[in-house]
Amino acid sequence: MNCPYCGSETNEDALVCAACSRDIAVPSTLIAERDELLRKREALRDELKRRRSDIETIIRRRKSR
């Protein structure tokens, strides 16, 4: 894991960054929430790509008429 403040490599279990001495502990509930939000974001991005493709297909069909 890298420190979110200085970017130094840190131990996964570290509570404080050894390089910049900032608090880097993140509660596991926040990590789980972040992971769930990232999954949802990916699902929405995939859905958006499918819908854009559908719209492009419709536009191409209308132009070819």
N, C-alpha and C. Protein backbone atom coordinates (compact mmCIF):
# COMPACT_ATOMS: atom_id res chain seq x y z
N MET A 1 0.85 -1.18 0.00
CA MET A 1 0.00 0.00 0.00
C MET A 1 0.89 1.23 0.00
N ASN A 2 0.46 2.27 -0.69
CA ASN A 2 1.18 3.53 -0.70
C ASN A 2 0.47 4.55 0.17
N CYS A 3 1.25 5.40 0.80
CA CYS A 3 0.69 6.48 1.62
C CYS A 3 -0.10 7.41 0.71
N PRO A 4 -1.34 7.75 1.07
CA PRO A 4 -2.13 8.64 0.23
C PRO A 4 -1.62 10.08 0.24
N TYR A 5 -0.73 10.40 1.16
CA TYR A 5 -0.23 11.78 1.28
C TYR A 5 1.10 11.97 0.57
N CYS A 6 2.07 11.09 0.85
CA CYS A 6 3.41 11.28 0.28
C CYS A 6 3.76 10.24 -0.78
N GLY A 7 2.96 9.17 -0.87
CA GLY A 7 3.19 8.16 -1.88
C GLY A 7 4.21 7.09 -1.52
N SER A 8 4.79 7.17 -0.34
CA SER A 8 5.78 6.18 0.08
C SER A 8 5.14 4.82 0.30
N GLU A 9 5.89 3.78 0.01
CA GLU A 9 5.42 2.42 0.25
C GLU A 9 5.28 2.21 1.75
N THR A 10 4.15 1.67 2.18
CA THR A 10 3.91 1.42 3.60
C THR A 10 3.41 -0.01 3.79
N ASN A 11 3.53 -0.49 4.99
CA ASN A 11 3.02 -1.80 5.36
C ASN A 11 1.49 -1.75 5.36
N GLU A 12 0.85 -2.83 4.94
CA GLU A 12 -0.62 -2.87 4.90
C GLU A 12 -1.24 -2.62 6.27
N ASP A 13 -0.56 -3.03 7.34
CA ASP A 13 -1.11 -2.89 8.68
C ASP A 13 -0.67 -1.61 9.38
N ALA A 14 0.08 -0.76 8.69
CA ALA A 14 0.60 0.46 9.32
C ALA A 14 -0.53 1.43 9.65
N LEU A 15 -0.41 2.07 10.80
CA LEU A 15 -1.38 3.08 11.21
C LEU A 15 -0.88 4.48 10.87
N VAL A 16 0.46 4.61 10.80
CA VAL A 16 1.09 5.89 10.52
C VAL A 16 2.16 5.67 9.46
N CYS A 17 2.27 6.60 8.51
CA CYS A 17 3.30 6.50 7.48
C CYS A 17 4.67 6.74 8.10
N ALA A 18 5.61 5.85 7.81
CA ALA A 18 6.96 5.98 8.35
C ALA A 18 7.70 7.16 7.74
N ALA A 19 7.34 7.55 6.52
CA ALA A 19 8.04 8.64 5.84
C ALA A 19 7.53 10.02 6.25
N CYS A 20 6.21 10.21 6.30
CA CYS A 20 5.67 11.55 6.57
C CYS A 20 4.97 11.65 7.92
N SER A 21 4.85 10.55 8.62
CA SER A 21 4.25 10.50 9.96
C SER A 21 2.77 10.88 10.01
N ARG A 22 2.08 10.76 8.90
CA ARG A 22 0.64 11.07 8.89
C ARG A 22 -0.16 9.82 9.17
N ASP A 23 -1.31 10.00 9.75
CA ASP A 23 -2.23 8.91 10.08
C ASP A 23 -2.79 8.34 8.78
N ILE A 24 -2.57 7.06 8.54
CA ILE A 24 -3.05 6.44 7.31
C ILE A 24 -4.01 5.28 7.58
N ALA A 25 -4.40 5.13 8.83
CA ALA A 25 -5.33 4.04 9.17
C ALA A 25 -6.71 4.33 8.56
N VAL A 26 -7.26 3.33 7.92
CA VAL A 26 -8.58 3.46 7.32
C VAL A 26 -9.45 2.33 7.87
N PRO A 27 -10.58 2.67 8.48
CA PRO A 27 -11.45 1.61 9.02
C PRO A 27 -11.90 0.64 7.92
N SER A 28 -12.00 -0.62 8.28
CA SER A 28 -12.37 -1.65 7.30
C SER A 28 -13.75 -1.39 6.71
N THR A 29 -14.64 -0.75 7.46
CA THR A 29 -15.97 -0.45 6.92
C THR A 29 -15.87 0.54 5.76
N LEU A 30 -14.95 1.49 5.86
CA LEU A 30 -14.77 2.45 4.76
C LEU A 30 -14.15 1.77 3.55
N ILE A 31 -13.25 0.86 3.78
CA ILE A 31 -12.64 0.13 2.68
C ILE A 31 -13.70 -0.70 1.96
N ALA A 32 -14.55 -1.37 2.72
CA ALA A 32 -15.63 -2.17 2.13
C ALA A 32 -16.60 -1.28 1.36
N GLU A 33 -16.93 -0.13 1.91
CA GLU A 33 -17.83 0.80 1.23
C GLU A 33 -17.20 1.30 -0.07
N ARG A 34 -15.91 1.61 -0.03
CA ARG A 34 -15.21 2.06 -1.23
C ARG A 34 -15.23 0.97 -2.30
N ASP A 35 -14.95 -0.27 -1.89
CA ASP A 35 -14.94 -1.37 -2.84
C ASP A 35 -16.30 -1.56 -3.49
N GLU A 36 -17.36 -1.43 -2.71
CA GLU A 36 -18.72 -1.57 -3.24
C GLU A 36 -19.02 -0.43 -4.22
N LEU A 37 -18.61 0.77 -3.88
CA LEU A 37 -18.82 1.91 -4.78
C LEU A 37 -18.04 1.74 -6.08
N LEU A 38 -16.83 1.20 -6.00
CA LEU A 38 -16.05 0.95 -7.20
C LEU A 38 -16.73 -0.08 -8.09
N ARG A 39 -17.30 -1.13 -7.48
CA ARG A 39 -18.03 -2.14 -8.26
C ARG A 39 -19.24 -1.51 -8.94
N LYS A 40 -19.97 -0.69 -8.20
CA LYS A 40 -21.15 -0.02 -8.78
C LYS A 40 -20.74 0.91 -9.92
N ARG A 41 -19.63 1.63 -9.73
CA ARG A 41 -19.16 2.54 -10.77
C ARG A 41 -18.83 1.76 -12.04
N GLU A 42 -18.16 0.64 -11.91
CA GLU A 42 -17.83 -0.17 -13.07
C GLU A 42 -19.08 -0.68 -13.77
N ALA A 43 -20.06 -1.10 -12.99
CA ALA A 43 -21.31 -1.59 -13.57
C ALA A 43 -22.01 -0.46 -14.34
N LEU A 44 -22.00 0.74 -13.79
CA LEU A 44 -22.62 1.88 -14.47
C LEU A 44 -21.85 2.26 -15.73
N ARG A 45 -20.53 2.18 -15.68
CA ARG A 45 -19.73 2.46 -16.88
C ARG A 45 -20.04 1.44 -17.98
N ASP A 46 -20.16 0.18 -17.60
CA ASP A 46 -20.49 -0.85 -18.59
C ASP A 46 -21.87 -0.59 -19.19
N GLU A 47 -22.83 -0.24 -18.35
CA GLU A 47 -24.18 0.07 -18.82
C GLU A 47 -24.16 1.27 -19.77
N LEU A 48 -23.41 2.28 -19.43
CA LEU A 48 -23.30 3.46 -20.27
C LEU A 48 -22.70 3.11 -21.63
N LYS A 49 -21.68 2.26 -21.65
CA LYS A 49 -21.08 1.85 -22.92
C LYS A 49 -22.10 1.11 -23.78
N ARG A 50 -22.89 0.23 -23.15
CA ARG A 50 -23.91 -0.52 -23.90
C ARG A 50 -24.95 0.44 -24.48
N ARG A 51 -25.38 1.38 -23.68
CA ARG A 51 -26.41 2.33 -24.15
C ARG A 51 -25.88 3.23 -25.26
N ARG A 52 -24.62 3.66 -25.14
CA ARG A 52 -24.02 4.48 -26.21
C ARG A 52 -23.95 3.68 -27.50
N SER A 53 -23.59 2.43 -27.38
CA SER A 53 -23.53 1.56 -28.55
C SER A 53 -24.91 1.41 -29.17
N ASP A 54 -25.93 1.23 -28.33
CA ASP A 54 -27.31 1.13 -28.83
C ASP A 54 -27.72 2.40 -29.57
N ILE A 55 -27.38 3.54 -29.00
CA ILE A 55 -27.74 4.82 -29.62
C ILE A 55 -27.02 4.99 -30.96
N GLU A 56 -25.73 4.63 -31.01
CA GLU A 56 -24.98 4.73 -32.26
C GLU A 56 -25.58 3.82 -33.33
N THR A 57 -26.03 2.64 -32.93
CA THR A 57 -26.66 1.72 -33.87
C THR A 57 -27.95 2.32 -34.42
N ILE A 58 -28.75 2.91 -33.56
CA ILE A 58 -30.01 3.54 -33.99
C ILE A 58 -29.72 4.68 -34.95
N ILE A 59 -28.74 5.51 -34.64
CA ILE A 59 -28.39 6.64 -35.49
C ILE A 59 -27.92 6.16 -36.86
N ARG A 60 -27.08 5.12 -36.89
CA ARG A 60 -26.60 4.58 -38.17
C ARG A 60 -27.75 4.04 -39.02
N ARG A 61 -28.70 3.36 -38.38
CA ARG A 61 -29.86 2.82 -39.10
C ARG A 61 -30.69 3.94 -39.70
N ARG A 62 -30.91 5.00 -38.95
CA ARG A 62 -31.70 6.12 -39.45
C ARG A 62 -31.02 6.80 -40.62
N LYS A 63 -29.70 6.91 -40.57
CA LYS A 63 -28.96 7.56 -41.66
C LYS A 63 -28.99 6.72 -42.93
N SER A 64 -29.05 5.40 -42.78
CA SER A 64 -29.02 4.53 -43.94
C SER A 64 -30.37 4.41 -44.64
N ARG A 65 -31.40 4.97 -44.10
CA ARG A 65 -32.74 4.88 -44.71
C ARG A 65 -32.85 5.76 -45.90
